[in-house]
């Protein structure tokens, strides 16, 4: 297996994560996908965090919070503990997958054109890469495949997303940042694109984090310094490097998978946008 150059790894890995997010994130939060959880007594936050951490079992909320960074740990811990007080991981995972893939199937149809080939490629990517330092991705991998192409594409997207999330966590913790510092630095680096994550931290907590970053020469006033920009860009490069084997596993088929996922991801995002807008 030939490992591609760093620029190719970065481009493919980041685009693959974006495609996966389009299919996953909107479905996680849409009311139609939440209906099935009402009878379980599990709210939206507990569904999302419990569903992400569920493959590891009913671990305590504080342990889940250590993995699902950079979200404020108290928020994660409370949601995960709520989930396991109401149900068990297998029940929650099954209900979540059934609801979310049902929502996606409603938008894309039972068998969108090219789904079999997309599933083959997505499985290959999701099965690639070492699991060391990626416990959540390893747990998702241990769930295996269903044989249903659309559901397997969904599972593959979850694995791909969680793997890059853990690669990112490994990179920024190695850079000496804590969760709140990462949020503040990222907001200044590229604008408040992770505002939902940053918003889980109070203004006082973000202010204290900014003070710590200022001492290190990473931020200045309301902006980011050259050193801060270099550090933040280095975190992305270190994240990309951990995804090299995933990209290598796709080889010349990487563009094909990205092209096949693109219209489906876009369709789900646009559908969700119309629903939120009342259209």
C-alpha atoms as a PDB file:
ATOM      1  CA  UNK A   1       0.000   0.000   0.000  1.00  0.00           C
ATOM      2  CA  UNK A   2       1.509   3.299  -1.128  1.00  0.00           C
ATOM      3  CA  UNK A   3       1.092   6.192   1.298  1.00  0.00           C
ATOM      4  CA  UNK A   4       0.093   9.377  -0.574  1.00  0.00           C
ATOM      5  CA  UNK A   5       1.877  12.678  -0.078  1.00  0.00           C
ATOM      6  CA  UNK A   6       0.841  14.971   2.764  1.00  0.00           C
ATOM      7  CA  UNK A   7      -1.137  17.340   0.545  1.00  0.00           C
ATOM      8  CA  UNK A   8      -3.231  14.499  -0.867  1.00  0.00           C
ATOM      9  CA  UNK A   9      -3.842  13.021   2.579  1.00  0.00           C
ATOM     10  CA  UNK A  10      -4.974  16.406   3.893  1.00  0.00           C
ATOM     11  CA  UNK A  11      -7.288  17.121   0.962  1.00  0.00           C
ATOM     12  CA  UNK A  12      -8.943  13.698   0.898  1.00  0.00           C
ATOM     13  CA  UNK A  13      -9.253  13.286   4.666  1.00  0.00           C
ATOM     14  CA  UNK A  14     -10.801  16.706   5.195  1.00  0.00           C
ATOM     15  CA  UNK A  15     -13.254  16.298   2.319  1.00  0.00           C
ATOM     16  CA  UNK A  16     -14.190  12.830   3.519  1.00  0.00           C
ATOM     17  CA  UNK A  17     -14.901  14.162   6.993  1.00  0.00           C
ATOM     18  CA  UNK A  18     -17.052  16.930   5.496  1.00  0.00           C
ATOM     19  CA  UNK A  19     -19.065  14.433   3.440  1.00  0.00           C
ATOM     20  CA  UNK A  20     -19.574  12.240   6.502  1.00  0.00           C
ATOM     21  CA  UNK A  21     -20.687  15.216   8.592  1.00  0.00           C
ATOM     22  CA  UNK A  22     -23.305  16.157   6.022  1.00  0.00           C
ATOM     23  CA  UNK A  23     -24.956  12.754   6.260  1.00  0.00           C
ATOM     24  CA  UNK A  24     -24.598  12.389  10.018  1.00  0.00           C
ATOM     25  CA  UNK A  25     -24.944  15.698  11.792  1.00  0.00           C
ATOM     26  CA  UNK A  26     -28.189  16.895  10.252  1.00  0.00           C
ATOM     27  CA  UNK A  27     -29.909  13.570  10.883  1.00  0.00           C
ATOM     28  CA  UNK A  28     -28.741  13.525  14.495  1.00  0.00           C
ATOM     29  CA  UNK A  29     -30.670  16.692  15.271  1.00  0.00           C
ATOM     30  CA  UNK A  30     -33.728  16.607  13.016  1.00  0.00           C
ATOM     31  CA  UNK A  31     -37.047  16.173  14.880  1.00  0.00           C
ATOM     32  CA  UNK A  32     -38.079  13.343  12.547  1.00  0.00           C
ATOM     33  CA  UNK A  33     -35.063  11.336  13.661  1.00  0.00           C
ATOM     34  CA  UNK A  34     -35.768  12.074  17.332  1.00  0.00           C
ATOM     35  CA  UNK A  35     -39.299  10.666  17.400  1.00  0.00           C
ATOM     36  CA  UNK A  36     -38.133   7.140  18.132  1.00  0.00           C
ATOM     37  CA  UNK A  37     -36.321   8.201  21.285  1.00  0.00           C
ATOM     38  CA  UNK A  38     -39.312   9.664  23.088  1.00  0.00           C
ATOM     39  CA  UNK A  39     -40.478   6.281  24.318  1.00  0.00           C
ATOM     40  CA  UNK A  40     -36.957   5.529  25.565  1.00  0.00           C
ATOM     41  CA  UNK A  41     -37.076   8.641  27.723  1.00  0.00           C
ATOM     42  CA  UNK A  42     -33.864   9.976  26.190  1.00  0.00           C
ATOM     43  CA  UNK A  43     -33.455  13.610  25.137  1.00  0.00           C
ATOM     44  CA  UNK A  44     -31.542  14.940  22.107  1.00  0.00           C
ATOM     45  CA  UNK A  45     -28.226  15.546  23.903  1.00  0.00           C
ATOM     46  CA  UNK A  46     -28.326  12.147  25.596  1.00  0.00           C
ATOM     47  CA  UNK A  47     -29.149  10.536  22.260  1.00  0.00           C
ATOM     48  CA  UNK A  48     -26.247  12.195  20.478  1.00  0.00           C
ATOM     49  CA  UNK A  49     -23.558  11.706  23.122  1.00  0.00           C
ATOM     50  CA  UNK A  50     -24.847   8.309  24.212  1.00  0.00           C
ATOM     51  CA  UNK A  51     -24.970   7.211  20.588  1.00  0.00           C
ATOM     52  CA  UNK A  52     -21.419   8.342  19.942  1.00  0.00           C
ATOM     53  CA  UNK A  53     -19.987   6.715  23.053  1.00  0.00           C
ATOM     54  CA  UNK A  54     -22.344   3.702  23.140  1.00  0.00           C
ATOM     55  CA  UNK A  55     -20.072   1.259  21.274  1.00  0.00           C
ATOM     56  CA  UNK A  56     -17.743   1.409  24.302  1.00  0.00           C
ATOM     57  CA  UNK A  57     -20.579   0.297  26.583  1.00  0.00           C
ATOM     58  CA  UNK A  58     -22.298   2.082  29.451  1.00  0.00           C
ATOM     59  CA  UNK A  59     -19.192   3.916  30.587  1.00  0.00           C
ATOM     60  CA  UNK A  60     -19.610   6.684  33.192  1.00  0.00           C
ATOM     61  CA  UNK A  61     -20.321  10.165  31.960  1.00  0.00           C
ATOM     62  CA  UNK A  62     -17.011  11.486  33.269  1.00  0.00           C
ATOM     63  CA  UNK A  63     -15.152   8.910  31.158  1.00  0.00           C
ATOM     64  CA  UNK A  64     -17.220   9.788  28.096  1.00  0.00           C
ATOM     65  CA  UNK A  65     -16.429  13.462  28.659  1.00  0.00           C
ATOM     66  CA  UNK A  66     -12.712  12.694  28.464  1.00  0.00           C
ATOM     67  CA  UNK A  67     -13.211  11.318  24.945  1.00  0.00           C
ATOM     68  CA  UNK A  68     -15.861  13.654  23.521  1.00  0.00           C
ATOM     69  CA  UNK A  69     -13.771  16.783  23.794  1.00  0.00           C
ATOM     70  CA  UNK A  70     -13.592  19.764  23.289  1.00  0.00           C
ATOM     71  CA  UNK A  71     -17.197  20.046  24.457  1.00  0.00           C
ATOM     72  CA  UNK A  72     -17.547  21.195  28.066  1.00  0.00           C
ATOM     73  CA  UNK A  73     -17.142  17.988  30.123  1.00  0.00           C
ATOM     74  CA  UNK A  74     -20.025  18.680  32.492  1.00  0.00           C
ATOM     75  CA  UNK A  75     -22.418  18.883  29.536  1.00  0.00           C
ATOM     76  CA  UNK A  76     -21.246  15.565  28.098  1.00  0.00           C
ATOM     77  CA  UNK A  77     -21.186  13.768  31.448  1.00  0.00           C
ATOM     78  CA  UNK A  78     -24.728  14.809  32.352  1.00  0.00           C
ATOM     79  CA  UNK A  79     -26.094  13.751  28.954  1.00  0.00           C
ATOM     80  CA  UNK A  80     -24.369  10.350  28.962  1.00  0.00           C
ATOM     81  CA  UNK A  81     -25.443   9.583  32.524  1.00  0.00           C
ATOM     82  CA  UNK A  82     -28.998  10.527  31.514  1.00  0.00           C
ATOM     83  CA  UNK A  83     -28.815   8.090  28.606  1.00  0.00           C
ATOM     84  CA  UNK A  84     -27.704   5.105  30.708  1.00  0.00           C
ATOM     85  CA  UNK A  85     -30.238   5.894  33.426  1.00  0.00           C
ATOM     86  CA  UNK A  86     -32.990   5.548  30.813  1.00  0.00           C
ATOM     87  CA  UNK A  87     -31.756   2.697  28.617  1.00  0.00           C
ATOM     88  CA  UNK A  88     -28.768   0.537  27.675  1.00  0.00           C
ATOM     89  CA  UNK A  89     -26.200   1.131  24.911  1.00  0.00           C
ATOM     90  CA  UNK A  90     -27.417  -1.556  22.504  1.00  0.00           C
ATOM     91  CA  UNK A  91     -31.025  -0.379  22.706  1.00  0.00           C
ATOM     92  CA  UNK A  92     -30.002   3.236  22.199  1.00  0.00           C
ATOM     93  CA  UNK A  93     -27.635   2.422  19.330  1.00  0.00           C
ATOM     94  CA  UNK A  94     -30.270   0.350  17.539  1.00  0.00           C
ATOM     95  CA  UNK A  95     -32.957   3.025  17.959  1.00  0.00           C
ATOM     96  CA  UNK A  96     -30.605   5.792  16.875  1.00  0.00           C
ATOM     97  CA  UNK A  97     -29.391   3.971  13.787  1.00  0.00           C
ATOM     98  CA  UNK A  98     -32.924   2.949  12.821  1.00  0.00           C
ATOM     99  CA  UNK A  99     -34.244   6.500  13.199  1.00  0.00           C
ATOM    100  CA  UNK A 100     -31.360   8.279  11.496  1.00  0.00           C
ATOM    101  CA  UNK A 101     -30.954   5.903   8.559  1.00  0.00           C
ATOM    102  CA  UNK A 102     -34.726   5.926   8.130  1.00  0.00           C
ATOM    103  CA  UNK A 103     -34.587   9.713   7.899  1.00  0.00           C
ATOM    104  CA  UNK A 104     -31.761   9.562   5.345  1.00  0.00           C
ATOM    105  CA  UNK A 105     -33.584   6.857   3.372  1.00  0.00           C
ATOM    106  CA  UNK A 106     -36.674   9.073   3.221  1.00  0.00           C
ATOM    107  CA  UNK A 107     -34.583  11.770   1.535  1.00  0.00           C
ATOM    108  CA  UNK A 108     -32.389   9.641  -0.736  1.00  0.00           C
ATOM    109  CA  UNK A 109     -34.685   6.708  -1.412  1.00  0.00           C
ATOM    110  CA  UNK A 110     -34.237   3.053  -0.501  1.00  0.00           C
ATOM    111  CA  UNK A 111     -31.439   2.415  -2.972  1.00  0.00           C
ATOM    112  CA  UNK A 112     -29.907   5.568  -4.443  1.00  0.00           C
ATOM    113  CA  UNK A 113     -27.876   4.999  -7.594  1.00  0.00           C
ATOM    114  CA  UNK A 114     -24.355   3.806  -6.808  1.00  0.00           C
ATOM    115  CA  UNK A 115     -25.064   2.887  -3.178  1.00  0.00           C
ATOM    116  CA  UNK A 116     -23.549  -0.604  -3.473  1.00  0.00           C
ATOM    117  CA  UNK A 117     -20.259   0.729  -4.818  1.00  0.00           C
ATOM    118  CA  UNK A 118     -20.228   3.564  -2.293  1.00  0.00           C
ATOM    119  CA  UNK A 119     -20.747   1.066   0.523  1.00  0.00           C
ATOM    120  CA  UNK A 120     -17.832  -1.053  -0.710  1.00  0.00           C
ATOM    121  CA  UNK A 121     -15.488   1.932  -0.778  1.00  0.00           C
ATOM    122  CA  UNK A 122     -16.759   3.407   2.484  1.00  0.00           C
ATOM    123  CA  UNK A 123     -16.269   0.096   4.293  1.00  0.00           C
ATOM    124  CA  UNK A 124     -12.710  -0.071   2.980  1.00  0.00           C
ATOM    125  CA  UNK A 125     -11.898   3.395   4.288  1.00  0.00           C
ATOM    126  CA  UNK A 126     -13.600   2.827   7.634  1.00  0.00           C
ATOM    127  CA  UNK A 127     -11.732  -0.438   8.210  1.00  0.00           C
ATOM    128  CA  UNK A 128      -8.336   1.182   7.570  1.00  0.00           C
ATOM    129  CA  UNK A 129      -5.868   2.807   9.916  1.00  0.00           C
ATOM    130  CA  UNK A 130      -4.354   1.718  13.234  1.00  0.00           C
ATOM    131  CA  UNK A 131      -6.612   1.777  16.281  1.00  0.00           C
ATOM    132  CA  UNK A 132      -3.914   2.838  18.758  1.00  0.00           C
ATOM    133  CA  UNK A 133      -4.979   6.172  20.201  1.00  0.00           C
ATOM    134  CA  UNK A 134      -8.438   5.791  18.655  1.00  0.00           C
ATOM    135  CA  UNK A 135     -10.525   3.812  21.188  1.00  0.00           C
ATOM    136  CA  UNK A 136     -13.863   5.187  20.045  1.00  0.00           C
ATOM    137  CA  UNK A 137     -13.166   4.454  16.389  1.00  0.00           C
ATOM    138  CA  UNK A 138     -12.033   0.956  17.386  1.00  0.00           C
ATOM    139  CA  UNK A 139     -15.275   0.354  19.280  1.00  0.00           C
ATOM    140  CA  UNK A 140     -17.347   1.509  16.320  1.00  0.00           C
ATOM    141  CA  UNK A 141     -15.276  -0.783  14.074  1.00  0.00           C
ATOM    142  CA  UNK A 142     -16.012  -3.748  16.341  1.00  0.00           C
ATOM    143  CA  UNK A 143     -19.734  -3.384  15.578  1.00  0.00           C
ATOM    144  CA  UNK A 144     -19.085  -4.735  12.093  1.00  0.00           C
ATOM    145  CA  UNK A 145     -21.323  -4.319   9.063  1.00  0.00           C
ATOM    146  CA  UNK A 146     -25.001  -5.018   8.458  1.00  0.00           C
ATOM    147  CA  UNK A 147     -24.968  -5.926   4.766  1.00  0.00           C
ATOM    148  CA  UNK A 148     -27.501  -3.172   4.029  1.00  0.00           C
ATOM    149  CA  UNK A 149     -25.549  -0.771   1.776  1.00  0.00           C
ATOM    150  CA  UNK A 150     -27.197   2.421   3.005  1.00  0.00           C
ATOM    151  CA  UNK A 151     -26.870   1.483   6.677  1.00  0.00           C
ATOM    152  CA  UNK A 152     -23.264   0.459   6.103  1.00  0.00           C
ATOM    153  CA  UNK A 153     -22.506   3.801   4.456  1.00  0.00           C
ATOM    154  CA  UNK A 154     -23.981   5.419   7.569  1.00  0.00           C
ATOM    155  CA  UNK A 155     -21.821   3.262   9.858  1.00  0.00           C
ATOM    156  CA  UNK A 156     -18.747   3.955   7.764  1.00  0.00           C
ATOM    157  CA  UNK A 157     -19.375   7.693   7.999  1.00  0.00           C
ATOM    158  CA  UNK A 158     -19.624   7.401  11.779  1.00  0.00           C
ATOM    159  CA  UNK A 159     -16.310   5.558  11.952  1.00  0.00           C
ATOM    160  CA  UNK A 160     -14.600   7.998   9.603  1.00  0.00           C
ATOM    161  CA  UNK A 161     -15.899  10.967  11.584  1.00  0.00           C
ATOM    162  CA  UNK A 162     -14.987   9.540  14.990  1.00  0.00           C
ATOM    163  CA  UNK A 163     -11.552   8.484  13.801  1.00  0.00           C
ATOM    164  CA  UNK A 164     -10.660  11.969  12.580  1.00  0.00           C
ATOM    165  CA  UNK A 165     -12.147  13.431  15.762  1.00  0.00           C
ATOM    166  CA  UNK A 166      -9.757  11.282  17.792  1.00  0.00           C
ATOM    167  CA  UNK A 167      -6.814  12.114  15.529  1.00  0.00           C
ATOM    168  CA  UNK A 168      -7.635  15.776  16.121  1.00  0.00           C
ATOM    169  CA  UNK A 169      -7.874  15.266  19.883  1.00  0.00           C
ATOM    170  CA  UNK A 170      -4.496  13.531  19.866  1.00  0.00           C
ATOM    171  CA  UNK A 171      -2.984  16.441  17.935  1.00  0.00           C
ATOM    172  CA  UNK A 172      -4.240  19.334  20.024  1.00  0.00           C
ATOM    173  CA  UNK A 173      -3.617  17.685  23.383  1.00  0.00           C
ATOM    174  CA  UNK A 174      -0.047  16.964  22.244  1.00  0.00           C
ATOM    175  CA  UNK A 175       0.211  20.683  21.441  1.00  0.00           C
ATOM    176  CA  UNK A 176      -0.490  21.436  25.103  1.00  0.00           C
ATOM    177  CA  UNK A 177      -3.993  22.866  24.770  1.00  0.00           C
ATOM    178  CA  UNK A 178      -7.026  22.122  26.898  1.00  0.00           C
ATOM    179  CA  UNK A 179     -10.543  21.917  25.482  1.00  0.00           C
ATOM    180  CA  UNK A 180     -11.592  25.492  26.120  1.00  0.00           C
ATOM    181  CA  UNK A 181      -8.270  26.845  24.864  1.00  0.00           C
ATOM    182  CA  UNK A 182      -8.729  24.906  21.623  1.00  0.00           C
ATOM    183  CA  UNK A 183     -12.202  26.400  21.131  1.00  0.00           C
ATOM    184  CA  UNK A 184     -10.987  29.948  21.731  1.00  0.00           C
ATOM    185  CA  UNK A 185      -7.937  29.534  19.499  1.00  0.00           C
ATOM    186  CA  UNK A 186     -10.004  27.945  16.716  1.00  0.00           C
ATOM    187  CA  UNK A 187     -12.654  30.659  16.823  1.00  0.00           C
ATOM    188  CA  UNK A 188      -9.938  33.261  16.338  1.00  0.00           C
ATOM    189  CA  UNK A 189      -8.178  31.216  13.672  1.00  0.00           C
ATOM    190  CA  UNK A 190     -11.092  30.721  11.286  1.00  0.00           C
ATOM    191  CA  UNK A 191     -14.092  32.452  12.828  1.00  0.00           C
ATOM    192  CA  UNK A 192     -16.743  30.975  15.154  1.00  0.00           C
ATOM    193  CA  UNK A 193     -17.461  27.922  12.995  1.00  0.00           C
ATOM    194  CA  UNK A 194     -17.613  25.670  16.046  1.00  0.00           C
ATOM    195  CA  UNK A 195     -19.807  28.058  17.995  1.00  0.00           C
ATOM    196  CA  UNK A 196     -22.030  25.223  19.219  1.00  0.00           C
ATOM    197  CA  UNK A 197     -18.964  23.699  20.866  1.00  0.00           C
ATOM    198  CA  UNK A 198     -17.533  27.011  22.047  1.00  0.00           C
ATOM    199  CA  UNK A 199     -20.979  27.907  23.339  1.00  0.00           C
ATOM    200  CA  UNK A 200     -20.882  25.032  25.780  1.00  0.00           C
ATOM    201  CA  UNK A 201     -18.235  27.025  27.668  1.00  0.00           C
ATOM    202  CA  UNK A 202     -19.220  30.097  29.677  1.00  0.00           C
ATOM    203  CA  UNK A 203     -17.946  33.550  28.838  1.00  0.00           C
ATOM    204  CA  UNK A 204     -15.824  33.523  31.985  1.00  0.00           C
ATOM    205  CA  UNK A 205     -14.268  30.177  31.048  1.00  0.00           C
ATOM    206  CA  UNK A 206     -13.495  31.394  27.545  1.00  0.00           C
ATOM    207  CA  UNK A 207     -12.017  34.594  28.938  1.00  0.00           C
ATOM    208  CA  UNK A 208      -9.730  32.648  31.273  1.00  0.00           C
ATOM    209  CA  UNK A 209      -8.677  30.399  28.393  1.00  0.00           C
ATOM    210  CA  UNK A 210      -7.860  33.475  26.285  1.00  0.00           C
ATOM    211  CA  UNK A 211      -5.705  34.799  29.124  1.00  0.00           C
ATOM    212  CA  UNK A 212      -3.748  31.525  29.212  1.00  0.00           C
ATOM    213  CA  UNK A 213      -3.278  31.636  25.451  1.00  0.00           C
ATOM    214  CA  UNK A 214      -2.151  35.254  25.686  1.00  0.00           C
ATOM    215  CA  UNK A 215       0.550  34.308  28.187  1.00  0.00           C
ATOM    216  CA  UNK A 216       1.838  31.760  25.657  1.00  0.00           C
ATOM    217  CA  UNK A 217       1.860  34.400  22.928  1.00  0.00           C
ATOM    218  CA  UNK A 218      -0.831  32.634  20.888  1.00  0.00           C
ATOM    219  CA  UNK A 219      -3.500  35.354  20.939  1.00  0.00           C
ATOM    220  CA  UNK A 220      -3.360  39.124  21.152  1.00  0.00           C
ATOM    221  CA  UNK A 221      -6.320  41.369  21.908  1.00  0.00           C
ATOM    222  CA  UNK A 222      -9.270  39.916  20.015  1.00  0.00           C
ATOM    223  CA  UNK A 223      -7.094  38.272  17.369  1.00  0.00           C
ATOM    224  CA  UNK A 224      -4.579  35.490  16.883  1.00  0.00           C
ATOM    225  CA  UNK A 225      -0.802  35.903  16.668  1.00  0.00           C
ATOM    226  CA  UNK A 226       1.456  34.398  14.023  1.00  0.00           C
ATOM    227  CA  UNK A 227       2.615  31.857  16.603  1.00  0.00           C
ATOM    228  CA  UNK A 228      -0.988  30.982  17.378  1.00  0.00           C
ATOM    229  CA  UNK A 229      -1.812  30.566  13.694  1.00  0.00           C
ATOM    230  CA  UNK A 230       1.237  28.352  13.173  1.00  0.00           C
ATOM    231  CA  UNK A 231       0.273  26.196  16.151  1.00  0.00           C
ATOM    232  CA  UNK A 232      -3.330  25.843  15.012  1.00  0.00           C
ATOM    233  CA  UNK A 233      -2.375  24.991  11.442  1.00  0.00           C
ATOM    234  CA  UNK A 234       0.156  22.498  12.794  1.00  0.00           C
ATOM    235  CA  UNK A 235      -2.647  20.775  14.700  1.00  0.00           C
ATOM    236  CA  UNK A 236      -4.548  20.238  11.454  1.00  0.00           C
ATOM    237  CA  UNK A 237      -1.410  18.892   9.768  1.00  0.00           C
ATOM    238  CA  UNK A 238      -0.800  16.497  12.663  1.00  0.00           C
ATOM    239  CA  UNK A 239      -4.428  15.380  12.428  1.00  0.00           C
ATOM    240  CA  UNK A 240      -4.085  14.744   8.702  1.00  0.00           C
ATOM    241  CA  UNK A 241      -0.920  12.691   9.223  1.00  0.00           C
ATOM    242  CA  UNK A 242      -2.809  10.217  11.426  1.00  0.00           C
ATOM    243  CA  UNK A 243      -5.309   9.670   8.596  1.00  0.00           C
ATOM    244  CA  UNK A 244      -2.696   8.651   6.009  1.00  0.00           C
ATOM    245  CA  UNK A 245      -3.563   4.944   6.055  1.00  0.00           C
ATOM    246  CA  UNK A 246      -7.263   5.667   5.598  1.00  0.00           C
ATOM    247  CA  UNK A 247      -6.518   7.686   2.476  1.00  0.00           C
ATOM    248  CA  UNK A 248      -3.984   5.110   1.279  1.00  0.00           C
ATOM    249  CA  UNK A 249      -6.586   2.340   1.600  1.00  0.00           C
ATOM    250  CA  UNK A 250      -8.802   4.174  -0.880  1.00  0.00           C
ATOM    251  CA  UNK A 251      -5.948   4.822  -3.280  1.00  0.00           C
ATOM    252  CA  UNK A 252      -7.148   5.827  -6.737  1.00  0.00           C
ATOM    253  CA  UNK A 253     -10.758   5.265  -5.628  1.00  0.00           C
ATOM    254  CA  UNK A 254     -10.751   8.216  -3.212  1.00  0.00           C
ATOM    255  CA  UNK A 255     -12.231  10.677  -5.685  1.00  0.00           C
ATOM    256  CA  UNK A 256     -14.921   8.181  -6.665  1.00  0.00           C
ATOM    257  CA  UNK A 257     -16.097   7.804  -3.071  1.00  0.00           C
ATOM    258  CA  UNK A 258     -16.092  11.563  -2.536  1.00  0.00           C
ATOM    259  CA  UNK A 259     -18.077  12.112  -5.742  1.00  0.00           C
ATOM    260  CA  UNK A 260     -20.634   9.454  -4.787  1.00  0.00           C
ATOM    261  CA  UNK A 261     -21.111  10.832  -1.268  1.00  0.00           C
ATOM    262  CA  UNK A 262     -21.299  14.499  -2.291  1.00  0.00           C
ATOM    263  CA  UNK A 263     -24.879  14.682  -3.666  1.00  0.00           C
ATOM    264  CA  UNK A 264     -26.255  12.583  -0.815  1.00  0.00           C
ATOM    265  CA  UNK A 265     -24.564  14.735   1.815  1.00  0.00           C
ATOM    266  CA  UNK A 266     -25.790  17.883   0.073  1.00  0.00           C
ATOM    267  CA  UNK A 267     -29.336  16.537  -0.217  1.00  0.00           C
ATOM    268  CA  UNK A 268     -29.547  15.775   3.511  1.00  0.00           C
ATOM    269  CA  UNK A 269     -28.162  19.188   4.474  1.00  0.00           C
ATOM    270  CA  UNK A 270     -30.508  21.025   2.095  1.00  0.00           C
ATOM    271  CA  UNK A 271     -33.519  19.027   3.246  1.00  0.00           C
ATOM    272  CA  UNK A 272     -32.737  19.841   6.865  1.00  0.00           C
ATOM    273  CA  UNK A 273     -32.334  23.508   5.958  1.00  0.00           C
ATOM    274  CA  UNK A 274     -35.767  23.599   4.352  1.00  0.00           C
ATOM    275  CA  UNK A 275     -37.311  21.883   7.359  1.00  0.00           C
ATOM    276  CA  UNK A 276     -35.790  24.370   9.802  1.00  0.00           C
ATOM    277  CA  UNK A 277     -36.919  27.233   7.554  1.00  0.00           C
ATOM    278  CA  UNK A 278     -40.451  25.864   7.456  1.00  0.00           C
ATOM    279  CA  UNK A 279     -40.243  25.058   3.742  1.00  0.00           C
END
